[in-house]
All heavy atoms as atom14 arrays in JSON, in Angstrom:
{
  "sequence": "QGQGIMTGKCVDFNNNVTTCEIFGWCPVEEDDQIPDPPML",
  "atom14_mask": [
    [1, 1, 1, 1, 1, 1, 1, 1, 1, 0, 0, 0, 0, 0],
    [1, 1, 1, 1, 0, 0, 0, 0, 0, 0, 0, 0, 0, 0],
    [1, 1, 1, 1, 1, 1, 1, 1, 1, 0, 0, 0, 0, 0],
    [1, 1, 1, 1, 0, 0, 0, 0, 0, 0, 0, 0, 0, 0],
    [1, 1, 1, 1, 1, 1, 1, 1, 0, 0, 0, 0, 0, 0],
    [1, 1, 1, 1, 1, 1, 1, 1, 0, 0, 0, 0, 0, 0],
    [1, 1, 1, 1, 1, 1, 1, 0, 0, 0, 0, 0, 0, 0],
    [1, 1, 1, 1, 0, 0, 0, 0, 0, 0, 0, 0, 0, 0],
    [1, 1, 1, 1, 1, 1, 1, 1, 1, 0, 0, 0, 0, 0],
    [1, 1, 1, 1, 1, 1, 0, 0, 0, 0, 0, 0, 0, 0],
    [1, 1, 1, 1, 1, 1, 1, 0, 0, 0, 0, 0, 0, 0],
    [1, 1, 1, 1, 1, 1, 1, 1, 0, 0, 0, 0, 0, 0],
    [1, 1, 1, 1, 1, 1, 1, 1, 1, 1, 1, 0, 0, 0],
    [1, 1, 1, 1, 1, 1, 1, 1, 0, 0, 0, 0, 0, 0],
    [1, 1, 1, 1, 1, 1, 1, 1, 0, 0, 0, 0, 0, 0],
    [1, 1, 1, 1, 1, 1, 1, 1, 0, 0, 0, 0, 0, 0],
    [1, 1, 1, 1, 1, 1, 1, 0, 0, 0, 0, 0, 0, 0],
    [1, 1, 1, 1, 1, 1, 1, 0, 0, 0, 0, 0, 0, 0],
    [1, 1, 1, 1, 1, 1, 1, 0, 0, 0, 0, 0, 0, 0],
    [1, 1, 1, 1, 1, 1, 0, 0, 0, 0, 0, 0, 0, 0],
    [1, 1, 1, 1, 1, 1, 1, 1, 1, 0, 0, 0, 0, 0],
    [1, 1, 1, 1, 1, 1, 1, 1, 0, 0, 0, 0, 0, 0],
    [1, 1, 1, 1, 1, 1, 1, 1, 1, 1, 1, 0, 0, 0],
    [1, 1, 1, 1, 0, 0, 0, 0, 0, 0, 0, 0, 0, 0],
    [1, 1, 1, 1, 1, 1, 1, 1, 1, 1, 1, 1, 1, 1],
    [1, 1, 1, 1, 1, 1, 0, 0, 0, 0, 0, 0, 0, 0],
    [1, 1, 1, 1, 1, 1, 1, 0, 0, 0, 0, 0, 0, 0],
    [1, 1, 1, 1, 1, 1, 1, 0, 0, 0, 0, 0, 0, 0],
    [1, 1, 1, 1, 1, 1, 1, 1, 1, 0, 0, 0, 0, 0],
    [1, 1, 1, 1, 1, 1, 1, 1, 1, 0, 0, 0, 0, 0],
    [1, 1, 1, 1, 1, 1, 1, 1, 0, 0, 0, 0, 0, 0],
    [1, 1, 1, 1, 1, 1, 1, 1, 0, 0, 0, 0, 0, 0],
    [1, 1, 1, 1, 1, 1, 1, 1, 1, 0, 0, 0, 0, 0],
    [1, 1, 1, 1, 1, 1, 1, 1, 0, 0, 0, 0, 0, 0],
    [1, 1, 1, 1, 1, 1, 1, 0, 0, 0, 0, 0, 0, 0],
    [1, 1, 1, 1, 1, 1, 1, 1, 0, 0, 0, 0, 0, 0],
    [1, 1, 1, 1, 1, 1, 1, 0, 0, 0, 0, 0, 0, 0],
    [1, 1, 1, 1, 1, 1, 1, 0, 0, 0, 0, 0, 0, 0],
    [1, 1, 1, 1, 1, 1, 1, 1, 0, 0, 0, 0, 0, 0],
    [1, 1, 1, 1, 1, 1, 1, 1, 0, 0, 0, 0, 0, 0]
  ],
  "atom14_positions": [
    [[100.2, 101.51, 105.28], [101.15, 100.72, 104.54], [102.04, 101.58, 103.62], [102.96, 101.08, 102.98], [100.47, 99.64, 103.69], [99.75, 98.55, 104.48], [98.4, 98.99, 104.98], [97.78, 99.89, 104.42], [97.94, 98.39, 106.06], [0.0, 0.0, 0.0], [0.0, 0.0, 0.0], [0.0, 0.0, 0.0], [0.0, 0.0, 0.0], [0.0, 0.0, 0.0]],
    [[101.71, 102.84, 103.55], [102.45, 103.75, 102.63], [103.76, 104.21, 103.18], [104.12, 103.98, 104.34], [0.0, 0.0, 0.0], [0.0, 0.0, 0.0], [0.0, 0.0, 0.0], [0.0, 0.0, 0.0], [0.0, 0.0, 0.0], [0.0, 0.0, 0.0], [0.0, 0.0, 0.0], [0.0, 0.0, 0.0], [0.0, 0.0, 0.0], [0.0, 0.0, 0.0]],
    [[104.48, 104.96, 102.3], [105.8, 105.45, 102.68], [105.9, 106.97, 102.6], [106.99, 107.54, 102.62], [106.86, 104.82, 101.77], [106.88, 103.32, 101.86], [108.04, 102.72, 101.07], [109.16, 103.2, 101.11], [107.75, 101.64, 100.31], [0.0, 0.0, 0.0], [0.0, 0.0, 0.0], [0.0, 0.0, 0.0], [0.0, 0.0, 0.0], [0.0, 0.0, 0.0]],
    [[104.73, 107.63, 102.56], [104.76, 109.08, 102.51], [103.34, 109.66, 102.58], [102.34, 108.95, 102.76], [0.0, 0.0, 0.0], [0.0, 0.0, 0.0], [0.0, 0.0, 0.0], [0.0, 0.0, 0.0], [0.0, 0.0, 0.0], [0.0, 0.0, 0.0], [0.0, 0.0, 0.0], [0.0, 0.0, 0.0], [0.0, 0.0, 0.0], [0.0, 0.0, 0.0]],
    [[103.23, 110.98, 102.44], [101.93, 111.7, 102.5], [101.42, 111.94, 101.09], [102.18, 112.39, 100.21], [102.12, 113.02, 103.24], [102.63, 112.77, 104.66], [100.82, 113.81, 103.26], [102.96, 114.05, 105.44], [0.0, 0.0, 0.0], [0.0, 0.0, 0.0], [0.0, 0.0, 0.0], [0.0, 0.0, 0.0], [0.0, 0.0, 0.0], [0.0, 0.0, 0.0]],
    [[100.15, 111.63, 100.87], [99.59, 111.76, 99.52], [99.49, 113.22, 99.1], [99.15, 114.09, 99.9], [98.2, 111.12, 99.48], [98.16, 109.65, 99.73], [96.49, 108.95, 99.66], [96.79, 107.27, 100.2], [0.0, 0.0, 0.0], [0.0, 0.0, 0.0], [0.0, 0.0, 0.0], [0.0, 0.0, 0.0], [0.0, 0.0, 0.0], [0.0, 0.0, 0.0]],
    [[99.77, 113.44, 97.8], [99.68, 114.82, 97.27], [98.31, 115.12, 96.63], [98.04, 116.24, 96.24], [100.79, 115.06, 96.23], [100.57, 114.15, 95.1], [102.15, 114.82, 96.83], [0.0, 0.0, 0.0], [0.0, 0.0, 0.0], [0.0, 0.0, 0.0], [0.0, 0.0, 0.0], [0.0, 0.0, 0.0], [0.0, 0.0, 0.0], [0.0, 0.0, 0.0]],
    [[97.5, 114.07, 96.47], [96.19, 114.23, 95.85], [96.17, 113.9, 94.36], [95.16, 114.08, 93.68], [0.0, 0.0, 0.0], [0.0, 0.0, 0.0], [0.0, 0.0, 0.0], [0.0, 0.0, 0.0], [0.0, 0.0, 0.0], [0.0, 0.0, 0.0], [0.0, 0.0, 0.0], [0.0, 0.0, 0.0], [0.0, 0.0, 0.0], [0.0, 0.0, 0.0]],
    [[97.28, 113.37, 93.82], [97.37, 113.01, 92.4], [97.49, 111.52, 92.24], [98.14, 110.84, 93.03], [98.55, 113.72, 91.74], [98.47, 115.22, 91.71], [99.69, 115.83, 91.02], [99.63, 117.36, 90.99], [100.81, 117.94, 90.33], [0.0, 0.0, 0.0], [0.0, 0.0, 0.0], [0.0, 0.0, 0.0], [0.0, 0.0, 0.0], [0.0, 0.0, 0.0]],
    [[96.91, 111.01, 91.15], [97.04, 109.59, 90.78], [97.94, 109.55, 89.54], [97.63, 110.12, 88.48], [95.65, 108.98, 90.43], [95.7, 107.22, 90.08], [0.0, 0.0, 0.0], [0.0, 0.0, 0.0], [0.0, 0.0, 0.0], [0.0, 0.0, 0.0], [0.0, 0.0, 0.0], [0.0, 0.0, 0.0], [0.0, 0.0, 0.0], [0.0, 0.0, 0.0]],
    [[99.12, 108.93, 89.71], [100.14, 108.94, 88.63], [100.52, 107.52, 88.25], [100.14, 106.54, 88.91], [101.36, 109.71, 89.12], [101.02, 111.17, 89.4], [101.99, 109.08, 90.35], [0.0, 0.0, 0.0], [0.0, 0.0, 0.0], [0.0, 0.0, 0.0], [0.0, 0.0, 0.0], [0.0, 0.0, 0.0], [0.0, 0.0, 0.0], [0.0, 0.0, 0.0]],
    [[101.28, 107.43, 87.2], [101.7, 106.12, 86.69], [102.83, 105.53, 87.56], [103.84, 106.23, 87.75], [102.17, 106.21, 85.22], [101.04, 106.57, 84.26], [99.89, 106.21, 84.6], [101.33, 107.15, 83.22], [0.0, 0.0, 0.0], [0.0, 0.0, 0.0], [0.0, 0.0, 0.0], [0.0, 0.0, 0.0], [0.0, 0.0, 0.0], [0.0, 0.0, 0.0]],
    [[102.64, 104.33, 88.03], [103.74, 103.63, 88.73], [104.62, 102.92, 87.68], [105.84, 102.89, 87.79], [103.16, 102.65, 89.74], [104.21, 101.88, 90.49], [104.91, 102.44, 91.54], [104.55, 100.58, 90.1], [105.89, 101.71, 92.22], [105.49, 99.84, 90.79], [106.19, 100.43, 91.83], [0.0, 0.0, 0.0], [0.0, 0.0, 0.0], [0.0, 0.0, 0.0]],
    [[103.93, 102.28, 86.73], [104.61, 101.7, 85.55], [103.61, 101.76, 84.4], [102.59, 102.47, 84.47], [105.1, 100.3, 85.85], [104.0, 99.36, 86.37], [102.84, 99.47, 85.97], [104.33, 98.46, 87.27], [0.0, 0.0, 0.0], [0.0, 0.0, 0.0], [0.0, 0.0, 0.0], [0.0, 0.0, 0.0], [0.0, 0.0, 0.0], [0.0, 0.0, 0.0]],
    [[103.88, 101.03, 83.34], [103.03, 101.08, 82.15], [101.62, 100.48, 82.4], [100.7, 100.76, 81.62], [103.68, 100.36, 80.98], [104.95, 101.08, 80.53], [105.06, 102.31, 80.68], [105.87, 100.3, 79.99], [0.0, 0.0, 0.0], [0.0, 0.0, 0.0], [0.0, 0.0, 0.0], [0.0, 0.0, 0.0], [0.0, 0.0, 0.0], [0.0, 0.0, 0.0]],
    [[101.48, 99.7, 83.44], [100.21, 98.98, 83.66], [99.45, 99.43, 84.92], [98.26, 99.16, 85.07], [100.47, 97.47, 83.75], [101.09, 96.92, 82.5], [100.71, 97.29, 81.37], [102.06, 96.05, 82.65], [0.0, 0.0, 0.0], [0.0, 0.0, 0.0], [0.0, 0.0, 0.0], [0.0, 0.0, 0.0], [0.0, 0.0, 0.0], [0.0, 0.0, 0.0]],
    [[100.15, 100.06, 85.87], [99.54, 100.33, 87.18], [99.67, 101.82, 87.52], [100.73, 102.43, 87.2], [100.21, 99.47, 88.27], [99.59, 99.81, 89.64], [100.06, 98.0, 87.98], [0.0, 0.0, 0.0], [0.0, 0.0, 0.0], [0.0, 0.0, 0.0], [0.0, 0.0, 0.0], [0.0, 0.0, 0.0], [0.0, 0.0, 0.0], [0.0, 0.0, 0.0]],
    [[98.65, 102.39, 88.05], [98.68, 103.79, 88.57], [98.56, 103.78, 90.09], [97.75, 102.98, 90.64], [97.58, 104.63, 87.94], [96.31, 104.04, 88.21], [97.78, 104.78, 86.45], [0.0, 0.0, 0.0], [0.0, 0.0, 0.0], [0.0, 0.0, 0.0], [0.0, 0.0, 0.0], [0.0, 0.0, 0.0], [0.0, 0.0, 0.0], [0.0, 0.0, 0.0]],
    [[99.28, 104.62, 90.75], [99.22, 104.69, 92.2], [99.22, 106.17, 92.62], [99.47, 107.07, 91.82], [100.46, 104.02, 92.84], [101.66, 104.68, 92.42], [100.53, 102.55, 92.47], [0.0, 0.0, 0.0], [0.0, 0.0, 0.0], [0.0, 0.0, 0.0], [0.0, 0.0, 0.0], [0.0, 0.0, 0.0], [0.0, 0.0, 0.0], [0.0, 0.0, 0.0]],
    [[98.92, 106.37, 93.92], [98.86, 107.73, 94.42], [100.29, 108.32, 94.55], [101.22, 107.61, 94.93], [98.21, 107.75, 95.82], [96.44, 107.31, 95.79], [0.0, 0.0, 0.0], [0.0, 0.0, 0.0], [0.0, 0.0, 0.0], [0.0, 0.0, 0.0], [0.0, 0.0, 0.0], [0.0, 0.0, 0.0], [0.0, 0.0, 0.0], [0.0, 0.0, 0.0]],
    [[100.42, 109.57, 94.21], [101.68, 110.24, 94.37], [101.86, 110.64, 95.83], [100.91, 111.05, 96.47], [101.72, 111.48, 93.47], [103.04, 112.19, 93.49], [103.03, 113.46, 92.62], [102.27, 114.39, 93.02], [103.72, 113.51, 91.58], [0.0, 0.0, 0.0], [0.0, 0.0, 0.0], [0.0, 0.0, 0.0], [0.0, 0.0, 0.0], [0.0, 0.0, 0.0]],
    [[103.09, 110.5, 96.33], [103.35, 110.82, 97.76], [104.58, 111.77, 97.83], [105.35, 111.89, 96.89], [103.68, 109.53, 98.57], [104.95, 108.87, 98.03], [102.48, 108.59, 98.57], [105.52, 107.83, 98.97], [0.0, 0.0, 0.0], [0.0, 0.0, 0.0], [0.0, 0.0, 0.0], [0.0, 0.0, 0.0], [0.0, 0.0, 0.0], [0.0, 0.0, 0.0]],
    [[104.65, 112.41, 99.0], [105.84, 113.17, 99.33], [106.54, 112.43, 100.49], [105.96, 112.17, 101.54], [105.49, 114.6, 99.79], [106.7, 115.37, 100.23], [107.58, 115.92, 99.3], [106.98, 115.53, 101.59], [108.71, 116.63, 99.71], [108.12, 116.21, 101.99], [108.96, 116.78, 101.05], [0.0, 0.0, 0.0], [0.0, 0.0, 0.0], [0.0, 0.0, 0.0]],
    [[107.78, 112.04, 100.27], [108.53, 111.25, 101.25], [109.91, 110.96, 100.74], [110.47, 111.68, 99.86], [0.0, 0.0, 0.0], [0.0, 0.0, 0.0], [0.0, 0.0, 0.0], [0.0, 0.0, 0.0], [0.0, 0.0, 0.0], [0.0, 0.0, 0.0], [0.0, 0.0, 0.0], [0.0, 0.0, 0.0], [0.0, 0.0, 0.0], [0.0, 0.0, 0.0]],
    [[110.51, 109.92, 101.29], [111.83, 109.49, 100.83], [111.69, 108.7, 99.5], [111.1, 107.65, 99.49], [112.52, 108.61, 101.87], [112.99, 109.39, 103.05], [112.4, 109.51, 104.28], [114.17, 110.2, 103.12], [113.1, 110.31, 105.12], [114.24, 110.74, 104.46], [115.21, 110.52, 102.22], [115.28, 111.58, 104.87], [116.25, 111.32, 102.68], [116.26, 111.87, 103.96]],
    [[112.17, 109.3, 98.42], [112.0, 108.71, 97.11], [113.38, 108.38, 96.49], [114.38, 109.12, 96.71], [111.26, 109.7, 96.21], [109.6, 110.1, 96.75], [0.0, 0.0, 0.0], [0.0, 0.0, 0.0], [0.0, 0.0, 0.0], [0.0, 0.0, 0.0], [0.0, 0.0, 0.0], [0.0, 0.0, 0.0], [0.0, 0.0, 0.0], [0.0, 0.0, 0.0]],
    [[113.44, 107.33, 95.66], [112.36, 106.39, 95.33], [112.0, 105.5, 96.52], [112.83, 105.25, 97.38], [112.98, 105.58, 94.19], [114.46, 105.6, 94.45], [114.74, 106.94, 95.03], [0.0, 0.0, 0.0], [0.0, 0.0, 0.0], [0.0, 0.0, 0.0], [0.0, 0.0, 0.0], [0.0, 0.0, 0.0], [0.0, 0.0, 0.0], [0.0, 0.0, 0.0]],
    [[110.75, 105.03, 96.55], [110.29, 104.19, 97.67], [110.99, 102.86, 97.65], [111.46, 102.37, 96.61], [108.77, 104.02, 97.61], [108.05, 105.35, 97.78], [108.33, 103.37, 96.28], [0.0, 0.0, 0.0], [0.0, 0.0, 0.0], [0.0, 0.0, 0.0], [0.0, 0.0, 0.0], [0.0, 0.0, 0.0], [0.0, 0.0, 0.0], [0.0, 0.0, 0.0]],
    [[111.03, 102.25, 98.84], [111.68, 100.93, 98.98], [110.79, 99.83, 98.4], [109.58, 99.79, 98.7], [111.94, 100.63, 100.45], [112.55, 99.25, 100.73], [112.51, 98.9, 102.19], [111.4, 98.96, 102.79], [113.57, 98.59, 102.76], [0.0, 0.0, 0.0], [0.0, 0.0, 0.0], [0.0, 0.0, 0.0], [0.0, 0.0, 0.0], [0.0, 0.0, 0.0]],
    [[111.32, 98.96, 97.61], [110.61, 97.77, 97.11], [111.27, 96.54, 97.74], [112.35, 96.15, 97.35], [110.7, 97.71, 95.59], [110.04, 98.9, 94.88], [110.07, 98.74, 93.35], [109.7, 97.66, 92.89], [110.44, 99.7, 92.67], [0.0, 0.0, 0.0], [0.0, 0.0, 0.0], [0.0, 0.0, 0.0], [0.0, 0.0, 0.0], [0.0, 0.0, 0.0]],
    [[110.54, 95.95, 98.7], [111.16, 94.87, 99.47], [110.49, 93.48, 99.18], [110.61, 92.57, 99.97], [111.05, 95.14, 100.96], [109.61, 95.33, 101.44], [108.7, 95.34, 100.57], [109.39, 95.42, 102.66], [0.0, 0.0, 0.0], [0.0, 0.0, 0.0], [0.0, 0.0, 0.0], [0.0, 0.0, 0.0], [0.0, 0.0, 0.0], [0.0, 0.0, 0.0]],
    [[109.77, 93.4, 98.07], [109.14, 92.14, 97.75], [110.08, 91.13, 97.11], [109.77, 89.95, 97.01], [107.91, 92.36, 96.84], [108.27, 93.1, 95.57], [109.33, 93.74, 95.56], [107.46, 93.07, 94.63], [0.0, 0.0, 0.0], [0.0, 0.0, 0.0], [0.0, 0.0, 0.0], [0.0, 0.0, 0.0], [0.0, 0.0, 0.0], [0.0, 0.0, 0.0]],
    [[111.22, 91.58, 96.69], [112.2, 90.69, 96.07], [113.41, 90.53, 97.05], [114.26, 91.39, 97.1], [112.68, 91.26, 94.72], [111.57, 91.39, 93.68], [110.99, 90.03, 93.27], [111.7, 89.04, 93.22], [109.68, 90.01, 93.01], [0.0, 0.0, 0.0], [0.0, 0.0, 0.0], [0.0, 0.0, 0.0], [0.0, 0.0, 0.0], [0.0, 0.0, 0.0]],
    [[113.41, 89.39, 97.76], [114.49, 89.13, 98.74], [115.62, 88.41, 98.02], [115.37, 87.42, 97.31], [113.94, 88.3, 99.89], [112.81, 89.04, 100.6], [115.05, 88.0, 100.9], [112.14, 88.24, 101.71], [0.0, 0.0, 0.0], [0.0, 0.0, 0.0], [0.0, 0.0, 0.0], [0.0, 0.0, 0.0], [0.0, 0.0, 0.0], [0.0, 0.0, 0.0]],
    [[116.85, 88.86, 98.15], [117.98, 88.17, 97.51], [118.07, 86.69, 97.87], [118.02, 86.34, 99.06], [119.2, 88.93, 98.03], [118.67, 90.28, 98.39], [117.31, 90.05, 98.9], [0.0, 0.0, 0.0], [0.0, 0.0, 0.0], [0.0, 0.0, 0.0], [0.0, 0.0, 0.0], [0.0, 0.0, 0.0], [0.0, 0.0, 0.0], [0.0, 0.0, 0.0]],
    [[118.14, 85.87, 96.87], [118.24, 84.42, 97.08], [119.28, 83.87, 96.08], [119.08, 84.02, 94.85], [116.87, 83.75, 96.83], [116.81, 82.32, 97.27], [117.84, 81.82, 97.86], [115.78, 81.65, 97.04], [0.0, 0.0, 0.0], [0.0, 0.0, 0.0], [0.0, 0.0, 0.0], [0.0, 0.0, 0.0], [0.0, 0.0, 0.0], [0.0, 0.0, 0.0]],
    [[120.37, 83.27, 96.51], [120.66, 82.84, 97.9], [120.99, 84.01, 98.8], [121.28, 85.09, 98.34], [121.87, 81.92, 97.71], [122.53, 82.44, 96.49], [121.46, 82.9, 95.58], [0.0, 0.0, 0.0], [0.0, 0.0, 0.0], [0.0, 0.0, 0.0], [0.0, 0.0, 0.0], [0.0, 0.0, 0.0], [0.0, 0.0, 0.0], [0.0, 0.0, 0.0]],
    [[120.94, 83.77, 100.14], [121.24, 84.84, 101.09], [122.68, 85.38, 100.87], [123.59, 84.67, 100.44], [121.14, 84.15, 102.44], [120.26, 82.99, 102.2], [120.54, 82.51, 100.82], [0.0, 0.0, 0.0], [0.0, 0.0, 0.0], [0.0, 0.0, 0.0], [0.0, 0.0, 0.0], [0.0, 0.0, 0.0], [0.0, 0.0, 0.0], [0.0, 0.0, 0.0]],
    [[122.84, 86.66, 101.17], [124.13, 87.32, 100.91], [125.24, 86.84, 101.83], [126.38, 86.9, 101.49], [123.95, 88.82, 101.02], [122.98, 89.4, 100.03], [122.82, 91.21, 100.14], [124.5, 91.7, 99.69], [0.0, 0.0, 0.0], [0.0, 0.0, 0.0], [0.0, 0.0, 0.0], [0.0, 0.0, 0.0], [0.0, 0.0, 0.0], [0.0, 0.0, 0.0]],
    [[124.9, 86.34, 103.03], [125.9, 85.91, 103.96], [125.61, 84.52, 104.46], [125.49, 84.25, 105.66], [126.02, 86.89, 105.14], [127.28, 86.84, 105.98], [128.53, 87.05, 105.14], [127.22, 87.84, 107.1], [0.0, 0.0, 0.0], [0.0, 0.0, 0.0], [0.0, 0.0, 0.0], [0.0, 0.0, 0.0], [0.0, 0.0, 0.0], [0.0, 0.0, 0.0]]
  ]
}
């Protein structure tokens, strides 16, 4: 489910959550917020 290869470090994603650091296309895509109403 990830978007890159792990570097072996656990870093801060935000003030409340820590996630694994990756090497890939950054910043990663956040697709949980779908525009509503639809754009077209």
